[in-house]
C-alpha atoms as a PDB file:
ATOM      1  CA  UNK A   1      11.697   4.399  -8.102  1.00  0.00           C
ATOM      2  CA  UNK A   2      11.786   5.793 -11.433  1.00  0.00           C
ATOM      3  CA  UNK A   3      13.588   4.170 -14.754  1.00  0.00           C
ATOM      4  CA  UNK A   4      13.984   6.523 -17.404  1.00  0.00           C
ATOM      5  CA  UNK A   5      11.432   9.126 -15.981  1.00  0.00           C
ATOM      6  CA  UNK A   6       8.598   6.416 -15.749  1.00  0.00           C
ATOM      7  CA  UNK A   7       7.341   4.919 -12.606  1.00  0.00           C
ATOM      8  CA  UNK A   8       7.447   0.863 -12.836  1.00  0.00           C
ATOM      9  CA  UNK A   9       4.471  -0.497 -14.554  1.00  0.00           C
ATOM     10  CA  UNK A  10       3.824   2.565 -16.561  1.00  0.00           C
ATOM     11  CA  UNK A  11       3.572   2.020 -20.349  1.00  0.00           C
ATOM     12  CA  UNK A  12       6.925   1.757 -22.099  1.00  0.00           C
ATOM     13  CA  UNK A  13       8.971   1.638 -18.817  1.00  0.00           C
ATOM     14  CA  UNK A  14      10.580  -1.948 -19.661  1.00  0.00           C
ATOM     15  CA  UNK A  15      10.398  -1.519 -23.550  1.00  0.00           C
ATOM     16  CA  UNK A  16      12.474   1.771 -23.462  1.00  0.00           C
ATOM     17  CA  UNK A  17      14.755   1.044 -20.345  1.00  0.00           C
ATOM     18  CA  UNK A  18      15.276  -2.747 -20.659  1.00  0.00           C
ATOM     19  CA  UNK A  19      14.200  -3.482 -17.119  1.00  0.00           C
ATOM     20  CA  UNK A  20      12.284  -6.635 -16.931  1.00  0.00           C
ATOM     21  CA  UNK A  21       8.888  -6.917 -15.235  1.00  0.00           C
ATOM     22  CA  UNK A  22      10.106  -8.913 -12.004  1.00  0.00           C
ATOM     23  CA  UNK A  23      12.657  -5.798 -11.367  1.00  0.00           C
ATOM     24  CA  UNK A  24       9.827  -3.427 -11.832  1.00  0.00           C
ATOM     25  CA  UNK A  25       7.738  -5.488  -9.255  1.00  0.00           C
ATOM     26  CA  UNK A  26      10.568  -5.102  -6.742  1.00  0.00           C
ATOM     27  CA  UNK A  27      10.848  -1.280  -7.094  1.00  0.00           C
ATOM     28  CA  UNK A  28       7.219  -1.092  -6.830  1.00  0.00           C
ATOM     29  CA  UNK A  29       7.112  -2.818  -3.897  1.00  0.00           C
ATOM     30  CA  UNK A  30       9.798  -0.539  -2.208  1.00  0.00           C
ATOM     31  CA  UNK A  31       7.675   2.585  -3.614  1.00  0.00           C
ATOM     32  CA  UNK A  32       4.556   1.162  -1.975  1.00  0.00           C
ATOM     33  CA  UNK A  33       6.366   0.574   1.275  1.00  0.00           C
ATOM     34  CA  UNK A  34       7.561   4.329   1.212  1.00  0.00           C
ATOM     35  CA  UNK A  35       3.991   5.550   0.480  1.00  0.00           C
ATOM     36  CA  UNK A  36       2.600   3.650   3.479  1.00  0.00           C
ATOM     37  CA  UNK A  37       5.744   4.830   5.679  1.00  0.00           C
ATOM     38  CA  UNK A  38       4.644   8.464   4.550  1.00  0.00           C
ATOM     39  CA  UNK A  39       0.704   7.599   5.414  1.00  0.00           C
ATOM     40  CA  UNK A  40       0.202   8.533   1.582  1.00  0.00           C
ATOM     41  CA  UNK A  41      -2.519   5.888   1.432  1.00  0.00           C
ATOM     42  CA  UNK A  42      -4.572   7.894  -1.328  1.00  0.00           C
ATOM     43  CA  UNK A  43      -1.814   7.014  -3.641  1.00  0.00           C
ATOM     44  CA  UNK A  44      -1.956   3.131  -2.932  1.00  0.00           C
ATOM     45  CA  UNK A  45      -4.892   2.193  -5.522  1.00  0.00           C
ATOM     46  CA  UNK A  46      -2.441   3.390  -8.358  1.00  0.00           C
ATOM     47  CA  UNK A  47       0.418   1.049  -7.228  1.00  0.00           C
ATOM     48  CA  UNK A  48      -2.110  -1.917  -7.079  1.00  0.00           C
ATOM     49  CA  UNK A  49      -3.261  -1.041 -10.558  1.00  0.00           C
ATOM     50  CA  UNK A  50       0.414  -0.970 -11.700  1.00  0.00           C
ATOM     51  CA  UNK A  51       1.267  -4.307  -9.751  1.00  0.00           C
ATOM     52  CA  UNK A  52      -1.748  -5.861 -11.430  1.00  0.00           C
ATOM     53  CA  UNK A  53      -0.319  -4.665 -14.913  1.00  0.00           C
ATOM     54  CA  UNK A  54       3.106  -6.041 -14.184  1.00  0.00           C
ATOM     55  CA  UNK A  55       2.183  -9.381 -12.896  1.00  0.00           C
ATOM     56  CA  UNK A  56       0.161  -9.738 -15.813  1.00  0.00           C
ATOM     57  CA  UNK A  57       3.381  -9.110 -18.114  1.00  0.00           C
ATOM     58  CA  UNK A  58       5.528 -11.867 -15.974  1.00  0.00           C
ATOM     59  CA  UNK A  59       6.789 -14.622 -18.346  1.00  0.00           C
ATOM     60  CA  UNK A  60       5.494 -18.022 -17.688  1.00  0.00           C
ATOM     61  CA  UNK A  61       7.354 -20.132 -16.805  1.00  0.00           C
ATOM     62  CA  UNK A  62       9.497 -17.545 -14.393  1.00  0.00           C
ATOM     63  CA  UNK A  63      13.187 -17.349 -15.566  1.00  0.00           C
ATOM     64  CA  UNK A  64      15.587 -18.400 -12.859  1.00  0.00           C
ATOM     65  CA  UNK A  65      16.815 -14.780 -12.351  1.00  0.00           C
ATOM     66  CA  UNK A  66      13.240 -13.698 -11.678  1.00  0.00           C
ATOM     67  CA  UNK A  67      12.927 -15.807  -8.510  1.00  0.00           C
ATOM     68  CA  UNK A  68      15.184 -13.772  -6.056  1.00  0.00           C
ATOM     69  CA  UNK A  69      13.746 -10.190  -7.191  1.00  0.00           C
ATOM     70  CA  UNK A  70      10.247 -11.569  -6.753  1.00  0.00           C
ATOM     71  CA  UNK A  71      11.087 -13.258  -3.434  1.00  0.00           C
ATOM     72  CA  UNK A  72      12.287  -9.533  -2.126  1.00  0.00           C
ATOM     73  CA  UNK A  73       9.115  -7.881  -3.554  1.00  0.00           C
ATOM     74  CA  UNK A  74       6.938 -10.489  -1.504  1.00  0.00           C
ATOM     75  CA  UNK A  75       8.688  -9.884   1.411  1.00  0.00           C
ATOM     76  CA  UNK A  76       8.559  -6.163   1.098  1.00  0.00           C
ATOM     77  CA  UNK A  77       4.833  -6.349   0.382  1.00  0.00           C
ATOM     78  CA  UNK A  78       4.300  -8.437   3.387  1.00  0.00           C
ATOM     79  CA  UNK A  79       5.815  -6.172   5.439  1.00  0.00           C
ATOM     80  CA  UNK A  80       3.945  -3.400   4.174  1.00  0.00           C
ATOM     81  CA  UNK A  81       0.789  -5.305   4.561  1.00  0.00           C
ATOM     82  CA  UNK A  82       1.679  -5.649   8.041  1.00  0.00           C
ATOM     83  CA  UNK A  83       2.316  -1.934   8.286  1.00  0.00           C
ATOM     84  CA  UNK A  84      -1.168  -1.305   6.831  1.00  0.00           C
ATOM     85  CA  UNK A  85      -2.742  -3.567   9.328  1.00  0.00           C
ATOM     86  CA  UNK A  86      -1.258  -1.659  12.363  1.00  0.00           C
ATOM     87  CA  UNK A  87      -2.571   1.649  10.952  1.00  0.00           C
ATOM     88  CA  UNK A  88      -5.647  -0.077  10.660  1.00  0.00           C
ATOM     89  CA  UNK A  89      -5.950  -1.059  13.954  1.00  0.00           C
ATOM     90  CA  UNK A  90      -4.853   2.300  15.412  1.00  0.00           C
ATOM     91  CA  UNK A  91      -7.567   4.219  13.368  1.00  0.00           C
ATOM     92  CA  UNK A  92     -10.031   1.466  14.621  1.00  0.00           C
ATOM     93  CA  UNK A  93      -8.918   1.797  18.345  1.00  0.00           C
ATOM     94  CA  UNK A  94      -9.090   5.868  17.922  1.00  0.00           C
ATOM     95  CA  UNK A  95     -12.618   5.561  16.493  1.00  0.00           C
ATOM     96  CA  UNK A  96     -13.600   3.385  19.305  1.00  0.00           C
ATOM     97  CA  UNK A  97     -12.298   5.807  21.842  1.00  0.00           C
ATOM     98  CA  UNK A  98     -14.050   8.710  20.314  1.00  0.00           C
ATOM     99  CA  UNK A  99     -17.397   6.573  20.145  1.00  0.00           C
ATOM    100  CA  UNK A 100     -17.073   5.747  23.906  1.00  0.00           C
ATOM    101  CA  UNK A 101     -16.303   9.589  24.663  1.00  0.00           C
ATOM    102  CA  UNK A 102     -19.342  10.413  22.576  1.00  0.00           C
ATOM    103  CA  UNK A 103     -21.529   8.056  24.643  1.00  0.00           C
ATOM    104  CA  UNK A 104     -20.356   9.625  27.903  1.00  0.00           C
ATOM    105  CA  UNK A 105     -21.208  13.311  26.503  1.00  0.00           C
ATOM    106  CA  UNK A 106     -24.743  12.233  25.415  1.00  0.00           C
ATOM    107  CA  UNK A 107     -25.067  10.615  29.145  1.00  0.00           C
ATOM    108  CA  UNK A 108     -24.089  13.955  30.473  1.00  0.00           C
ATOM    109  CA  UNK A 109     -26.231  15.922  28.188  1.00  0.00           C
ATOM    110  CA  UNK A 110     -29.361  13.741  29.200  1.00  0.00           C
ATOM    111  CA  UNK A 111     -28.497  14.026  33.283  1.00  0.00           C
ATOM    112  CA  UNK A 112     -28.585  17.794  32.488  1.00  0.00           C
ATOM    113  CA  UNK A 113     -31.545  17.754  30.132  1.00  0.00           C
ATOM    114  CA  UNK A 114     -29.255  19.589  27.639  1.00  0.00           C
ATOM    115  CA  UNK A 115     -31.158  20.404  24.346  1.00  0.00           C
ATOM    116  CA  UNK A 116     -29.545  20.155  21.015  1.00  0.00           C
END
Protein backbone atom coordinates (compact mmCIF):
# COMPACT_ATOMS: atom_id res chain seq x y z
CA UNK A 1 0.00 0.00 0.00
CA UNK A 2 1.12 3.51 -0.62
CA UNK A 3 0.55 6.65 1.37
CA UNK A 4 0.86 9.89 -0.59
CA UNK A 5 3.03 8.16 -3.21
CA UNK A 6 5.43 6.63 -0.70
CA UNK A 7 5.80 3.07 0.48
CA UNK A 8 5.39 2.40 4.20
CA UNK A 9 8.72 2.89 5.89
CA UNK A 10 10.17 5.27 3.32
CA UNK A 11 11.50 8.57 4.56
CA UNK A 12 8.81 11.16 4.98
CA UNK A 13 5.85 8.80 4.72
CA UNK A 14 4.48 9.31 8.23
CA UNK A 15 5.63 12.90 8.58
CA UNK A 16 3.97 13.97 5.34
CA UNK A 17 0.86 11.80 5.53
CA UNK A 18 0.28 11.75 9.28
CA UNK A 19 0.32 7.93 9.32
CA UNK A 20 1.68 6.36 12.52
CA UNK A 21 4.44 3.74 12.30
CA UNK A 22 2.12 0.97 13.52
CA UNK A 23 -0.28 1.62 10.63
CA UNK A 24 2.64 1.48 8.21
CA UNK A 25 3.75 -1.81 9.77
CA UNK A 26 0.30 -3.26 9.16
CA UNK A 27 0.37 -2.08 5.53
CA UNK A 28 3.89 -3.41 5.10
CA UNK A 29 2.85 -6.86 6.38
CA UNK A 30 0.12 -6.93 3.73
CA UNK A 31 2.61 -5.85 1.07
CA UNK A 32 5.00 -8.60 2.15
CA UNK A 33 2.20 -11.18 1.94
CA UNK A 34 1.44 -10.01 -1.59
CA UNK A 35 5.05 -10.35 -2.66
CA UNK A 36 5.23 -13.88 -1.29
CA UNK A 37 1.92 -14.83 -2.92
CA UNK A 38 3.27 -13.50 -6.23
CA UNK A 39 6.59 -15.29 -5.62
CA UNK A 40 8.54 -12.04 -5.94
CA UNK A 41 11.07 -13.14 -3.33
CA UNK A 42 13.80 -10.86 -4.66
CA UNK A 43 11.88 -7.86 -3.31
CA UNK A 44 11.66 -9.16 0.26
CA UNK A 45 14.99 -7.77 1.54
CA UNK A 46 13.74 -4.22 0.93
CA UNK A 47 10.59 -5.06 2.93
CA UNK A 48 12.74 -6.31 5.82
CA UNK A 49 14.81 -3.12 5.79
CA UNK A 50 11.68 -0.98 5.82
CA UNK A 51 10.17 -3.05 8.64
CA UNK A 52 13.33 -2.65 10.74
CA UNK A 53 13.19 1.13 10.26
CA UNK A 54 9.52 1.25 11.26
CA UNK A 55 10.07 -0.91 14.33
CA UNK A 56 12.84 1.43 15.44
CA UNK A 57 10.39 4.36 15.20
CA UNK A 58 7.69 2.85 17.41
CA UNK A 59 7.17 4.87 20.58
CA UNK A 60 7.82 3.26 23.95
CA UNK A 61 5.55 2.55 25.62
CA UNK A 62 3.14 1.83 22.80
CA UNK A 63 -0.09 3.77 22.84
CA UNK A 64 -3.26 1.70 23.22
CA UNK A 65 -4.36 2.47 19.64
CA UNK A 66 -1.23 0.76 18.30
CA UNK A 67 -2.05 -2.66 19.75
CA UNK A 68 -4.67 -3.92 17.29
CA UNK A 69 -2.84 -2.80 14.12
CA UNK A 70 0.34 -4.41 15.46
CA UNK A 71 -1.52 -7.63 16.32
CA UNK A 72 -2.90 -7.75 12.77
CA UNK A 73 0.56 -7.06 11.35
CA UNK A 74 2.03 -9.86 13.46
CA UNK A 75 -0.70 -12.26 12.39
CA UNK A 76 -0.14 -11.41 8.71
CA UNK A 77 3.62 -11.77 9.11
CA UNK A 78 3.23 -15.19 10.75
CA UNK A 79 1.03 -16.35 7.86
CA UNK A 80 3.62 -15.02 5.42
CA UNK A 81 6.40 -16.87 7.26
CA UNK A 82 4.36 -20.08 6.95
CA UNK A 83 3.89 -19.48 3.23
CA UNK A 84 7.64 -18.88 2.82
CA UNK A 85 8.37 -22.12 4.69
CA UNK A 86 6.02 -23.99 2.35
CA UNK A 87 7.83 -22.52 -0.69
CA UNK A 88 11.18 -23.45 0.84
CA UNK A 89 10.01 -27.02 1.47
CA UNK A 90 8.70 -27.35 -2.10
CA UNK A 91 12.02 -26.14 -3.50
CA UNK A 92 13.95 -28.53 -1.26
CA UNK A 93 11.74 -31.39 -2.41
CA UNK A 94 12.29 -30.50 -6.07
CA UNK A 95 16.06 -30.24 -5.55
CA UNK A 96 16.04 -33.65 -3.90
CA UNK A 97 14.08 -35.11 -6.80
CA UNK A 98 16.55 -33.62 -9.29
CA UNK A 99 19.51 -34.93 -7.32
CA UNK A 100 18.04 -38.44 -7.22
CA UNK A 101 17.42 -38.24 -10.97
CA UNK A 102 20.99 -37.15 -11.62
CA UNK A 103 22.28 -40.04 -9.51
CA UNK A 104 20.20 -42.45 -11.62
CA UNK A 105 21.54 -41.00 -14.86
CA UNK A 106 25.12 -41.38 -13.59
CA UNK A 107 24.38 -45.02 -12.83
CA UNK A 108 23.22 -45.60 -16.41
CA UNK A 109 26.27 -43.76 -17.74
CA UNK A 110 28.60 -46.06 -15.77
CA UNK A 111 26.65 -49.15 -16.82
CA UNK A 112 27.01 -48.24 -20.50
CA UNK A 113 30.50 -46.75 -20.15
CA UNK A 114 29.38 -43.36 -21.45
CA UNK A 115 32.19 -40.80 -21.56
CA UNK A 116 31.60 -37.13 -20.77
